[in-house]
C-alpha cells in the first residue's frame, strides 16, 4: 500500500463562520467500506463512524460514485 501524498487542504472563514469544503459521510452510512477501497489517498478512516480526512482528500468523487446508499455528500 502506498502512502497518501502530502496534499493539504485548509478551511476558510467568512466573517465569523468557518466553512469546510469537500466530501463528507452522513449518518445513512451502512459501513460497507466501498469508499475505503476506491480512495486513492487512503483518507477514509473507520472509528465509531466512517470519516473522510479532509486534509488529504483530492475531491475526486470516487467515494460519492461508489456509495450504494448515497451517504456521501459534497460541500462546496
N, C-alpha and C. Protein backbone atom coordinates (compact mmCIF):
# COMPACT_ATOMS: atom_id res chain seq x y z
N UNK A 1 0.85 -1.17 0.00
CA UNK A 1 0.00 0.00 0.00
C UNK A 1 0.90 1.24 0.00
N UNK A 2 0.61 2.15 -0.88
CA UNK A 2 1.39 3.38 -0.92
C UNK A 2 0.81 4.41 0.03
N UNK A 3 1.68 5.24 0.54
CA UNK A 3 1.25 6.29 1.46
C UNK A 3 0.57 7.40 0.69
N UNK A 4 -0.39 8.07 1.31
CA UNK A 4 -1.04 9.19 0.65
C UNK A 4 -0.06 10.32 0.39
N UNK A 5 -0.35 11.11 -0.64
CA UNK A 5 0.51 12.25 -0.92
C UNK A 5 0.32 13.31 0.16
N UNK A 6 1.12 14.32 0.11
CA UNK A 6 1.09 15.34 1.15
C UNK A 6 0.17 16.50 0.81
N UNK A 7 -0.94 16.23 0.15
CA UNK A 7 -1.91 17.27 -0.17
C UNK A 7 -2.50 17.78 1.14
N UNK A 8 -2.52 19.08 1.28
CA UNK A 8 -3.09 19.69 2.47
C UNK A 8 -4.19 20.66 2.04
N UNK A 9 -5.38 20.51 2.61
CA UNK A 9 -6.50 21.41 2.34
C UNK A 9 -6.83 22.18 3.59
N UNK A 10 -7.19 23.40 3.43
CA UNK A 10 -7.50 24.27 4.56
C UNK A 10 -8.98 24.63 4.56
N UNK A 11 -9.47 25.05 5.70
CA UNK A 11 -10.81 25.62 5.78
C UNK A 11 -10.67 27.12 5.51
N UNK A 12 -11.78 27.79 5.26
CA UNK A 12 -11.72 29.23 5.09
C UNK A 12 -12.81 29.87 5.93
N UNK A 13 -12.63 31.12 6.25
CA UNK A 13 -13.55 31.82 7.13
C UNK A 13 -14.24 32.95 6.39
N UNK A 14 -15.56 33.02 6.55
CA UNK A 14 -16.36 34.12 6.03
C UNK A 14 -16.97 34.79 7.25
N UNK A 15 -16.50 35.99 7.56
CA UNK A 15 -16.94 36.64 8.80
C UNK A 15 -16.51 35.81 9.98
N UNK A 16 -17.46 35.35 10.79
CA UNK A 16 -17.13 34.52 11.94
C UNK A 16 -17.47 33.05 11.71
N UNK A 17 -17.86 32.71 10.48
CA UNK A 17 -18.25 31.34 10.15
C UNK A 17 -17.10 30.65 9.43
N UNK A 18 -16.68 29.51 9.98
CA UNK A 18 -15.63 28.73 9.33
C UNK A 18 -16.29 27.65 8.48
N UNK A 19 -15.89 27.57 7.23
CA UNK A 19 -16.51 26.65 6.28
C UNK A 19 -15.49 25.61 5.84
N UNK A 20 -15.86 24.33 5.96
CA UNK A 20 -15.01 23.25 5.48
C UNK A 20 -15.65 22.70 4.22
N UNK A 21 -14.87 22.53 3.17
CA UNK A 21 -15.40 22.03 1.92
C UNK A 21 -14.88 20.62 1.67
N UNK A 22 -15.54 19.91 0.77
CA UNK A 22 -15.10 18.57 0.41
C UNK A 22 -16.24 17.56 0.52
N UNK A 23 -15.87 16.30 0.65
CA UNK A 23 -16.83 15.21 0.74
C UNK A 23 -16.96 14.76 2.19
N UNK A 24 -18.20 14.51 2.61
CA UNK A 24 -18.48 14.11 3.98
C UNK A 24 -19.42 12.92 3.98
N UNK A 25 -19.27 12.04 4.95
CA UNK A 25 -20.11 10.86 5.07
C UNK A 25 -21.17 11.14 6.13
N UNK A 26 -22.45 10.99 5.74
CA UNK A 26 -23.54 11.30 6.68
C UNK A 26 -23.97 10.05 7.46
N UNK A 27 -25.00 10.20 8.27
CA UNK A 27 -25.44 9.13 9.17
C UNK A 27 -26.17 7.98 8.48
N UNK A 28 -26.42 8.07 7.19
CA UNK A 28 -27.07 6.96 6.49
C UNK A 28 -26.06 5.89 6.05
N UNK A 29 -24.79 6.10 6.37
CA UNK A 29 -23.72 5.16 6.02
C UNK A 29 -24.00 3.78 6.62
N UNK A 30 -23.86 2.74 5.80
CA UNK A 30 -24.08 1.36 6.26
C UNK A 30 -22.76 0.63 6.52
N UNK A 31 -21.65 1.34 6.47
CA UNK A 31 -20.32 0.81 6.75
C UNK A 31 -19.93 -0.34 5.82
N UNK A 32 -20.29 -0.22 4.54
CA UNK A 32 -19.89 -1.23 3.56
C UNK A 32 -18.41 -1.10 3.21
N UNK A 33 -17.85 0.07 3.42
CA UNK A 33 -16.44 0.40 3.23
C UNK A 33 -15.98 0.37 1.77
N UNK A 34 -16.92 0.46 0.85
CA UNK A 34 -16.54 0.54 -0.56
C UNK A 34 -15.75 1.82 -0.83
N UNK A 35 -16.08 2.88 -0.10
CA UNK A 35 -15.38 4.15 -0.25
C UNK A 35 -13.91 4.01 0.15
N UNK A 36 -13.66 3.22 1.16
CA UNK A 36 -12.30 2.96 1.62
C UNK A 36 -11.47 2.30 0.52
N UNK A 37 -12.08 1.37 -0.19
CA UNK A 37 -11.38 0.64 -1.25
C UNK A 37 -11.03 1.49 -2.46
N UNK A 38 -11.86 2.49 -2.78
CA UNK A 38 -11.63 3.26 -4.01
C UNK A 38 -10.86 4.56 -3.79
N UNK A 39 -10.61 4.94 -2.55
CA UNK A 39 -9.95 6.21 -2.27
C UNK A 39 -8.47 6.15 -2.63
N UNK A 40 -8.02 6.96 -3.61
CA UNK A 40 -6.61 6.92 -4.00
C UNK A 40 -5.68 7.51 -2.93
N UNK A 41 -6.20 8.32 -2.05
CA UNK A 41 -5.41 8.96 -1.00
C UNK A 41 -5.46 8.20 0.32
N UNK A 42 -6.30 7.16 0.39
CA UNK A 42 -6.49 6.39 1.62
C UNK A 42 -6.84 7.31 2.79
N UNK A 43 -7.76 8.26 2.52
CA UNK A 43 -8.13 9.21 3.56
C UNK A 43 -9.49 8.91 4.18
N UNK A 44 -10.06 7.74 3.89
CA UNK A 44 -11.29 7.30 4.56
C UNK A 44 -10.86 6.48 5.77
N UNK A 45 -11.35 6.87 6.95
CA UNK A 45 -10.96 6.21 8.19
C UNK A 45 -12.19 5.69 8.93
N UNK A 46 -12.01 4.58 9.61
CA UNK A 46 -13.11 3.95 10.34
C UNK A 46 -12.82 4.01 11.84
N UNK A 47 -13.68 4.70 12.56
CA UNK A 47 -13.68 4.71 14.02
C UNK A 47 -15.08 4.27 14.41
N UNK A 48 -15.73 5.01 15.27
CA UNK A 48 -17.13 4.74 15.56
C UNK A 48 -17.97 5.08 14.34
N UNK A 49 -17.49 6.03 13.54
CA UNK A 49 -18.13 6.41 12.28
C UNK A 49 -17.08 6.32 11.18
N UNK A 50 -17.55 6.24 9.95
CA UNK A 50 -16.64 6.30 8.81
C UNK A 50 -16.48 7.78 8.45
N UNK A 51 -15.25 8.23 8.34
CA UNK A 51 -14.98 9.65 8.09
C UNK A 51 -13.95 9.81 6.98
N UNK A 52 -13.98 10.97 6.34
CA UNK A 52 -13.01 11.34 5.32
C UNK A 52 -12.10 12.40 5.90
N UNK A 53 -10.80 12.16 5.85
CA UNK A 53 -9.82 13.14 6.31
C UNK A 53 -9.69 14.22 5.25
N UNK A 54 -10.30 15.36 5.49
CA UNK A 54 -10.36 16.44 4.51
C UNK A 54 -8.99 17.03 4.18
N UNK A 55 -8.03 16.89 5.06
CA UNK A 55 -6.71 17.46 4.80
C UNK A 55 -6.01 16.79 3.63
N UNK A 56 -6.38 15.55 3.32
CA UNK A 56 -5.69 14.80 2.26
C UNK A 56 -6.60 14.41 1.10
N UNK A 57 -7.89 14.72 1.20
CA UNK A 57 -8.86 14.35 0.16
C UNK A 57 -8.60 15.13 -1.13
N UNK A 58 -8.58 14.43 -2.25
CA UNK A 58 -8.39 15.05 -3.56
C UNK A 58 -9.68 15.64 -4.11
N UNK A 59 -10.81 15.32 -3.50
CA UNK A 59 -12.13 15.69 -4.01
C UNK A 59 -12.37 15.10 -5.39
N UNK A 60 -11.92 13.87 -5.58
CA UNK A 60 -12.07 13.20 -6.88
C UNK A 60 -13.48 12.67 -7.09
N UNK A 61 -14.21 12.40 -5.99
CA UNK A 61 -15.59 11.94 -6.10
C UNK A 61 -15.76 10.45 -6.27
N UNK A 62 -14.69 9.68 -6.21
CA UNK A 62 -14.83 8.23 -6.36
C UNK A 62 -15.70 7.64 -5.27
N UNK A 63 -15.56 8.15 -4.07
CA UNK A 63 -16.37 7.64 -2.94
C UNK A 63 -17.85 7.93 -3.17
N UNK A 64 -18.14 9.11 -3.65
CA UNK A 64 -19.52 9.51 -3.94
C UNK A 64 -20.14 8.59 -4.98
N UNK A 65 -19.38 8.27 -6.01
CA UNK A 65 -19.89 7.43 -7.10
C UNK A 65 -20.13 5.99 -6.67
N UNK A 66 -19.34 5.47 -5.74
CA UNK A 66 -19.43 4.05 -5.37
C UNK A 66 -20.43 3.77 -4.24
N UNK A 67 -20.81 4.78 -3.48
CA UNK A 67 -21.65 4.58 -2.30
C UNK A 67 -23.04 4.05 -2.69
N UNK A 68 -23.41 2.86 -2.20
CA UNK A 68 -24.70 2.27 -2.58
C UNK A 68 -25.91 2.93 -1.93
N UNK A 69 -25.70 3.69 -0.85
CA UNK A 69 -26.83 4.32 -0.15
C UNK A 69 -26.77 5.85 -0.20
N UNK A 70 -25.88 6.38 -1.02
CA UNK A 70 -25.73 7.83 -1.19
C UNK A 70 -25.49 8.55 0.15
N UNK A 71 -24.62 7.97 0.95
CA UNK A 71 -24.31 8.53 2.26
C UNK A 71 -23.19 9.58 2.20
N UNK A 72 -22.66 9.80 1.02
CA UNK A 72 -21.59 10.78 0.87
C UNK A 72 -22.12 12.02 0.18
N UNK A 73 -21.82 13.16 0.79
CA UNK A 73 -22.30 14.44 0.27
C UNK A 73 -21.11 15.35 0.00
N UNK A 74 -21.28 16.25 -0.94
CA UNK A 74 -20.22 17.20 -1.26
C UNK A 74 -20.63 18.59 -0.77
N UNK A 75 -19.76 19.18 0.02
CA UNK A 75 -19.95 20.56 0.49
C UNK A 75 -19.04 21.47 -0.30
N UNK A 76 -19.62 22.49 -0.92
CA UNK A 76 -18.80 23.43 -1.69
C UNK A 76 -18.97 24.84 -1.17
